[in-house]
C-alpha atoms as a PDB file:
ATOM      1  CA  MET A   1     111.753  94.380 125.567  1.00  0.00           C
ATOM      2  CA  LYS A   2     113.262  91.564 123.559  1.00  0.00           C
ATOM      3  CA  LEU A   3     113.801  87.978 124.612  1.00  0.00           C
ATOM      4  CA  LEU A   4     116.554  86.205 122.772  1.00  0.00           C
ATOM      5  CA  ALA A   5     114.873  83.633 120.566  1.00  0.00           C
ATOM      6  CA  THR A   6     117.685  81.156 121.174  1.00  0.00           C
ATOM      7  CA  PHE A   7     116.233  80.549 124.617  1.00  0.00           C
ATOM      8  CA  PHE A   8     113.021  79.103 123.306  1.00  0.00           C
ATOM      9  CA  VAL A   9     114.714  77.209 120.504  1.00  0.00           C
ATOM     10  CA  ILE A  10     117.214  75.567 122.846  1.00  0.00           C
ATOM     11  CA  PHE A  11     114.658  74.568 125.496  1.00  0.00           C
ATOM     12  CA  TYR A  12     112.171  73.150 123.008  1.00  0.00           C
ATOM     13  CA  SER A  13     114.221  71.756 120.201  1.00  0.00           C
ATOM     14  CA  GLY A  14     116.991  69.879 122.039  1.00  0.00           C
ATOM     15  CA  VAL A  15     119.815  71.915 120.513  1.00  0.00           C
ATOM     16  CA  ILE A  16     123.096  71.525 122.334  1.00  0.00           C
ATOM     17  CA  PHE A  17     126.077  73.870 122.044  1.00  0.00           C
ATOM     18  CA  ALA A  18     129.753  73.406 122.771  1.00  0.00           C
ATOM     19  CA  GLN A  19     130.565  74.111 126.397  1.00  0.00           C
ATOM     20  CA  ASP A  20     134.276  74.898 126.201  1.00  0.00           C
ATOM     21  CA  TYR A  21     133.787  78.637 126.860  1.00  0.00           C
ATOM     22  CA  PHE A  22     132.060  78.215 130.224  1.00  0.00           C
ATOM     23  CA  ASP A  23     134.076  79.390 133.229  1.00  0.00           C
ATOM     24  CA  ARG A  24     133.812  76.476 135.648  1.00  0.00           C
ATOM     25  CA  LYS A  25     134.815  78.601 138.652  1.00  0.00           C
ATOM     26  CA  VAL A  26     131.996  80.976 137.952  1.00  0.00           C
ATOM     27  CA  LEU A  27     129.554  78.088 137.616  1.00  0.00           C
ATOM     28  CA  ASP A  28     130.703  76.780 140.985  1.00  0.00           C
ATOM     29  CA  SER A  29     130.175  80.261 142.497  1.00  0.00           C
ATOM     30  CA  ILE A  30     126.639  80.348 141.141  1.00  0.00           C
ATOM     31  CA  THR A  31     125.586  77.023 142.658  1.00  0.00           C
ATOM     32  CA  LYS A  32     127.080  77.987 146.074  1.00  0.00           C
ATOM     33  CA  ASN A  33     125.582  81.471 146.365  1.00  0.00           C
ATOM     34  CA  GLU A  34     123.002  81.535 149.138  1.00  0.00           C
ATOM     35  CA  GLN A  35     120.911  84.324 147.673  1.00  0.00           C
ATOM     36  CA  LEU A  36     120.660  82.657 144.272  1.00  0.00           C
ATOM     37  CA  ASN A  37     119.718  79.356 145.867  1.00  0.00           C
ATOM     38  CA  ARG A  38     117.111  81.024 148.082  1.00  0.00           C
ATOM     39  CA  ASP A  39     115.354  82.617 145.146  1.00  0.00           C
ATOM     40  CA  MET A  40     115.032  79.243 143.442  1.00  0.00           C
ATOM     41  CA  SER A  41     112.467  78.213 146.017  1.00  0.00           C
ATOM     42  CA  LEU A  42     109.951  80.891 144.930  1.00  0.00           C
ATOM     43  CA  CYS A  43     107.583  81.007 141.965  1.00  0.00           C
ATOM     44  CA  PRO A  44     108.819  83.514 139.364  1.00  0.00           C
ATOM     45  CA  LYS A  45     105.559  85.572 139.652  1.00  0.00           C
ATOM     46  CA  ASP A  46     106.179  85.922 143.375  1.00  0.00           C
ATOM     47  CA  LEU A  47     109.858  86.843 142.961  1.00  0.00           C
ATOM     48  CA  PHE A  48     109.169  89.980 140.916  1.00  0.00           C
ATOM     49  CA  GLU A  49     109.537  92.980 143.181  1.00  0.00           C
ATOM     50  CA  GLY A  50     107.431  95.426 141.144  1.00  0.00           C
ATOM     51  CA  ARG A  51     109.868  97.852 139.526  1.00  0.00           C
ATOM     52  CA  GLU A  52     110.392  97.081 135.878  1.00  0.00           C
ATOM     53  CA  ILE A  53     113.914  97.452 134.392  1.00  0.00           C
ATOM     54  CA  GLU A  54     114.523  98.037 130.681  1.00  0.00           C
ATOM     55  CA  TYR A  55     116.319  95.120 128.992  1.00  0.00           C
ATOM     56  CA  GLN A  56     119.796  95.682 127.591  1.00  0.00           C
ATOM     57  CA  ASP A  57     121.628  93.027 125.616  1.00  0.00           C
ATOM     58  CA  LEU A  58     124.863  92.245 127.509  1.00  0.00           C
ATOM     59  CA  VAL A  59     125.247  88.689 126.300  1.00  0.00           C
ATOM     60  CA  GLU A  60     128.570  89.172 124.457  1.00  0.00           C
ATOM     61  CA  GLU A  61     130.077  91.164 127.365  1.00  0.00           C
ATOM     62  CA  CYS A  62     128.983  88.463 129.794  1.00  0.00           C
ATOM     63  CA  ARG A  63     130.285  85.711 127.528  1.00  0.00           C
ATOM     64  CA  SER A  64     133.734  87.276 127.346  1.00  0.00           C
ATOM     65  CA  ASP A  65     134.058  88.048 131.094  1.00  0.00           C
ATOM     66  CA  GLN A  66     131.782  85.745 133.098  1.00  0.00           C
ATOM     67  CA  ARG A  67     133.321  86.560 136.504  1.00  0.00           C
ATOM     68  CA  TRP A  68     132.796  90.311 135.974  1.00  0.00           C
ATOM     69  CA  CYS A  69     129.242  89.671 134.808  1.00  0.00           C
ATOM     70  CA  LEU A  70     128.404  87.506 137.827  1.00  0.00           C
ATOM     71  CA  ASN A  71     129.819  90.147 140.211  1.00  0.00           C
ATOM     72  CA  LYS A  72     127.627  92.776 138.580  1.00  0.00           C
ATOM     73  CA  CYS A  73     124.628  90.482 138.873  1.00  0.00           C
ATOM     74  CA  LEU A  74     125.305  89.840 142.556  1.00  0.00           C
ATOM     75  CA  SER A  75     125.531  93.616 142.946  1.00  0.00           C
ATOM     76  CA  LYS A  76     121.895  93.771 141.801  1.00  0.00           C
ATOM     77  CA  SER A  77     122.387  94.566 138.086  1.00  0.00           C
ATOM     78  CA  ALA A  78     119.401  92.794 136.489  1.00  0.00           C
ATOM     79  CA  ASN A  79     120.765  93.032 132.956  1.00  0.00           C
ATOM     80  CA  HIS A  80     124.012  91.292 133.909  1.00  0.00           C
ATOM     81  CA  CYS A  81     122.026  88.508 135.513  1.00  0.00           C
ATOM     82  CA  ILE A  82     119.911  87.860 132.446  1.00  0.00           C
ATOM     83  CA  GLY A  83     122.942  88.379 130.141  1.00  0.00           C
ATOM     84  CA  LEU A  84     124.886  85.696 131.909  1.00  0.00           C
ATOM     85  CA  GLY A  85     121.763  83.541 132.036  1.00  0.00           C
ATOM     86  CA  HIS A  86     121.528  83.695 128.273  1.00  0.00           C
ATOM     87  CA  VAL A  87     125.183  82.593 128.053  1.00  0.00           C
ATOM     88  CA  TYR A  88     124.554  79.550 130.263  1.00  0.00           C
ATOM     89  CA  VAL A  89     121.206  78.598 128.722  1.00  0.00           C
ATOM     90  CA  ASP A  90     123.401  76.879 126.061  1.00  0.00           C
ATOM     91  CA  MET A  91     123.975  74.148 128.709  1.00  0.00           C
ATOM     92  CA  GLU A  92     120.755  72.463 127.537  1.00  0.00           C
ATOM     93  CA  ASN A  93     120.999  69.421 129.787  1.00  0.00           C
ATOM     94  CA  ASN A  94     122.008  71.328 132.919  1.00  0.00           C
ATOM     95  CA  PRO A  95     119.737  74.297 133.472  1.00  0.00           C
ATOM     96  CA  GLN A  96     120.596  75.036 137.066  1.00  0.00           C
ATOM     97  CA  TYR A  97     122.954  77.909 136.205  1.00  0.00           C
ATOM     98  CA  SER A  98     120.761  79.880 133.817  1.00  0.00           C
ATOM     99  CA  ARG A  99     117.710  79.375 136.005  1.00  0.00           C
ATOM    100  CA  ARG A 100     119.401  80.843 139.057  1.00  0.00           C
ATOM    101  CA  LEU A 101     120.429  83.851 137.083  1.00  0.00           C
ATOM    102  CA  TYR A 102     117.012  84.253 135.386  1.00  0.00           C
ATOM    103  CA  ALA A 103     115.381  84.088 138.837  1.00  0.00           C
ATOM    104  CA  GLN A 104     117.635  86.897 140.076  1.00  0.00           C
ATOM    105  CA  ALA A 105     116.968  89.046 136.988  1.00  0.00           C
ATOM    106  CA  CYS A 106     113.220  88.455 137.440  1.00  0.00           C
ATOM    107  CA  LYS A 107     113.431  89.513 141.048  1.00  0.00           C
ATOM    108  CA  LEU A 108     115.326  92.652 140.098  1.00  0.00           C
ATOM    109  CA  GLY A 109     112.716  93.778 137.504  1.00  0.00           C
ATOM    110  CA  ILE A 110     113.223  92.240 134.073  1.00  0.00           C
ATOM    111  CA  VAL A 111     109.797  90.798 133.184  1.00  0.00           C
ATOM    112  CA  ASN A 112     110.893  88.521 130.386  1.00  0.00           C
ATOM    113  CA  SER A 113     113.396  86.920 132.684  1.00  0.00           C
ATOM    114  CA  CYS A 114     110.411  85.724 134.731  1.00  0.00           C
ATOM    115  CA  THR A 115     109.143  84.180 131.558  1.00  0.00           C
ATOM    116  CA  ASN A 116     112.549  82.556 130.935  1.00  0.00           C
ATOM    117  CA  TYR A 117     112.666  81.141 134.471  1.00  0.00           C
ATOM    118  CA  ALA A 118     109.102  79.756 134.219  1.00  0.00           C
ATOM    119  CA  ALA A 119     109.762  78.251 130.797  1.00  0.00           C
ATOM    120  CA  GLY A 120     112.787  76.431 132.272  1.00  0.00           C
ATOM    121  CA  MET A 121     110.482  75.021 134.967  1.00  0.00           C
ATOM    122  CA  LEU A 122     108.070  73.904 132.338  1.00  0.00           C
ATOM    123  CA  ARG A 123     110.850  72.145 130.437  1.00  0.00           C
ATOM    124  CA  PHE A 124     112.640  70.424 133.280  1.00  0.00           C
ATOM    125  CA  ASP A 125     110.291  70.096 136.288  1.00  0.00           C
ATOM    126  CA  GLU A 126     107.892  67.724 134.612  1.00  0.00           C
ATOM    127  CA  GLY A 127     104.702  69.469 135.777  1.00  0.00           C
ATOM    128  CA  SER A 128     105.540  69.620 139.489  1.00  0.00           C
ATOM    129  CA  ASN A 129     105.012  73.406 139.473  1.00  0.00           C
ATOM    130  CA  SER A 130     102.557  73.644 136.633  1.00  0.00           C
ATOM    131  CA  ARG A 131     100.176  76.078 138.292  1.00  0.00           C
ATOM    132  CA  CYS A 132     103.053  78.374 139.225  1.00  0.00           C
ATOM    133  CA  TYR A 133     104.459  78.747 135.739  1.00  0.00           C
ATOM    134  CA  ALA A 134     101.001  79.095 134.190  1.00  0.00           C
ATOM    135  CA  GLU A 135     100.332  81.999 136.619  1.00  0.00           C
ATOM    136  CA  THR A 136     103.749  83.463 135.798  1.00  0.00           C
ATOM    137  CA  PHE A 137     102.995  83.438 132.064  1.00  0.00           C
ATOM    138  CA  ARG A 138      99.682  85.098 132.682  1.00  0.00           C
ATOM    139  CA  PHE A 139     101.486  87.730 134.792  1.00  0.00           C
ATOM    140  CA  THR A 140     104.252  88.400 132.270  1.00  0.00           C
ATOM    141  CA  CYS A 141     101.712  88.597 129.430  1.00  0.00           C
ATOM    142  CA  SER A 142      99.805  91.199 131.413  1.00  0.00           C
ATOM    143  CA  LYS A 143     103.078  93.130 131.593  1.00  0.00           C
ATOM    144  CA  SER A 144     103.299  93.108 127.801  1.00  0.00           C
ATOM    145  CA  ASP A 145     106.041  90.501 127.419  1.00  0.00           C
ATOM    146  CA  GLU A 146     105.496  88.983 124.005  1.00  0.00           C
ATOM    147  CA  TRP A 147     107.117  85.698 124.964  1.00  0.00           C
ATOM    148  CA  GLY A 148     105.031  85.547 128.128  1.00  0.00           C
ATOM    149  CA  CYS A 149     101.879  85.840 126.039  1.00  0.00           C
ATOM    150  CA  MET A 150     103.103  83.163 123.661  1.00  0.00           C
ATOM    151  CA  MET A 151     103.837  80.793 126.532  1.00  0.00           C
ATOM    152  CA  TYR A 152     100.547  81.689 128.209  1.00  0.00           C
ATOM    153  CA  GLY A 153      98.735  80.815 125.011  1.00  0.00           C
ATOM    154  CA  MET A 154     100.561  77.489 124.850  1.00  0.00           C
ATOM    155  CA  VAL A 155      99.715  76.400 128.418  1.00  0.00           C
ATOM    156  CA  LEU A 156      96.072  77.510 127.947  1.00  0.00           C
ATOM    157  CA  HIS A 157      95.865  75.408 124.805  1.00  0.00           C
ATOM    158  CA  LYS A 158      97.486  72.360 126.480  1.00  0.00           C
ATOM    159  CA  GLY A 159      95.781  72.773 129.879  1.00  0.00           C
ATOM    160  CA  ILE A 160      99.079  72.862 131.730  1.00  0.00           C
ATOM    161  CA  GLY A 161      98.589  74.251 135.239  1.00  0.00           C
ATOM    162  CA  ILE A 162      95.336  75.889 134.124  1.00  0.00           C
ATOM    163  CA  VAL A 163      91.955  74.844 132.734  1.00  0.00           C
ATOM    164  CA  ARG A 164      92.283  74.299 128.993  1.00  0.00           C
ATOM    165  CA  ASN A 165      90.714  77.129 127.017  1.00  0.00           C
ATOM    166  CA  ASP A 166      91.466  77.569 123.342  1.00  0.00           C
ATOM    167  CA  SER A 167      89.494  80.845 123.078  1.00  0.00           C
ATOM    168  CA  LYS A 168      91.698  82.468 125.735  1.00  0.00           C
ATOM    169  CA  ALA A 169      94.773  80.859 124.207  1.00  0.00           C
ATOM    170  CA  ILE A 170      94.053  82.564 120.855  1.00  0.00           C
ATOM    171  CA  LEU A 171      93.625  85.894 122.587  1.00  0.00           C
ATOM    172  CA  ALA A 172      96.993  85.535 124.365  1.00  0.00           C
ATOM    173  CA  LEU A 173      98.714  84.532 121.121  1.00  0.00           C
ATOM    174  CA  LYS A 174      97.167  87.517 119.305  1.00  0.00           C
ATOM    175  CA  LYS A 175      98.407  89.755 122.097  1.00  0.00           C
ATOM    176  CA  SER A 176     101.932  88.497 121.568  1.00  0.00           C
ATOM    177  CA  CYS A 177     101.868  89.830 117.977  1.00  0.00           C
ATOM    178  CA  GLN A 178     100.174  93.050 119.072  1.00  0.00           C
ATOM    179  CA  ILE A 179     103.081  93.707 121.426  1.00  0.00           C
ATOM    180  CA  ASP A 180     105.747  93.127 118.750  1.00  0.00           C
ATOM    181  CA  GLU A 181     104.862  91.712 115.338  1.00  0.00           C
ATOM    182  CA  GLU A 182     108.560  91.543 114.334  1.00  0.00           C
ATOM    183  CA  ASN A 183     109.638  89.438 117.276  1.00  0.00           C
ATOM    184  CA  GLU A 184     110.008  85.669 116.801  1.00  0.00           C
ATOM    185  CA  ALA A 185     107.548  85.183 119.628  1.00  0.00           C
ATOM    186  CA  CYS A 186     104.928  86.419 117.147  1.00  0.00           C
ATOM    187  CA  ASP A 187     106.029  83.781 114.606  1.00  0.00           C
ATOM    188  CA  TYR A 188     105.543  80.993 117.185  1.00  0.00           C
ATOM    189  CA  SER A 189     102.229  82.518 118.242  1.00  0.00           C
ATOM    190  CA  LYS A 190     100.902  82.630 114.727  1.00  0.00           C
ATOM    191  CA  SER A 191     101.923  79.077 114.112  1.00  0.00           C
ATOM    192  CA  LEU A 192     100.254  77.806 117.279  1.00  0.00           C
ATOM    193  CA  ALA A 193      97.113  79.880 116.705  1.00  0.00           C
ATOM    194  CA  SER A 194      96.813  78.454 113.205  1.00  0.00           C
ATOM    195  CA  LYS A 195      97.232  74.944 114.535  1.00  0.00           C
ATOM    196  CA  ILE A 196      94.520  75.506 117.193  1.00  0.00           C
ATOM    197  CA  SER A 197      92.087  76.980 114.638  1.00  0.00           C
ATOM    198  CA  THR A 198      92.616  74.133 112.170  1.00  0.00           C
ATOM    199  CA  THR A 199      92.222  71.471 114.864  1.00  0.00           C
ATOM    200  CA  ASN A 200      89.007  73.034 116.144  1.00  0.00           C
ATOM    201  CA  GLU A 201      87.600  73.332 112.651  1.00  0.00           C
ATOM    202  CA  LEU A 202      88.304  69.627 112.001  1.00  0.00           C
ATOM    203  CA  ARG A 203      86.569  68.735 115.293  1.00  0.00           C
ATOM    204  CA  ALA A 204      83.575  70.854 114.355  1.00  0.00           C
ATOM    205  CA  ASN A 205      83.371  69.230 110.962  1.00  0.00           C
ATOM    206  CA  ASP A 206      83.560  65.738 112.513  1.00  0.00           C
ATOM    207  CA  GLY A 207      80.638  66.643 114.742  1.00  0.00           C
ATOM    208  CA  GLN A 208      78.379  67.637 111.852  1.00  0.00           C
END
């Protein structure tokens, strides 16, 4: 299962895209939908209903017909939810739309959408739900989501919502690459693992 790398790049690099292709009526429907709003109150890990759905890339279809895609999502098509979520994640300073859609896709069975949702919480909630998203990354990593393992390694290293543990962080980062060495999650994991190892070596040398 692949997570679009643009998600991580946008949330953590501050990249902002043009917003002229967003359907404002669809955006309004998303914010007013009771089911989508209700799901936002739950931790991603607790949203997941247990049956995994295989990811299909529907981003371009959802970009070209956002109303159709939202209707499919509300009819419980997980891939249309995450597809439209990927379209709206471009709205870097206003994550409310993508997060509602990621939450729904997570609930309907796409594991890496749970990772997406938790990563959005990490970016915008300023630590208010840190334990929740740390537990979510641990859960999605256990489900063999390479991005979940990368994010779990990161929060373990930084001690966000969990006791800091670089040894466990390295294991999670290694697992990300074991799941899919060609995915960009592995590139990020290798970079962070190298940074952790170098920092710990310097600390060890300073202590000698």
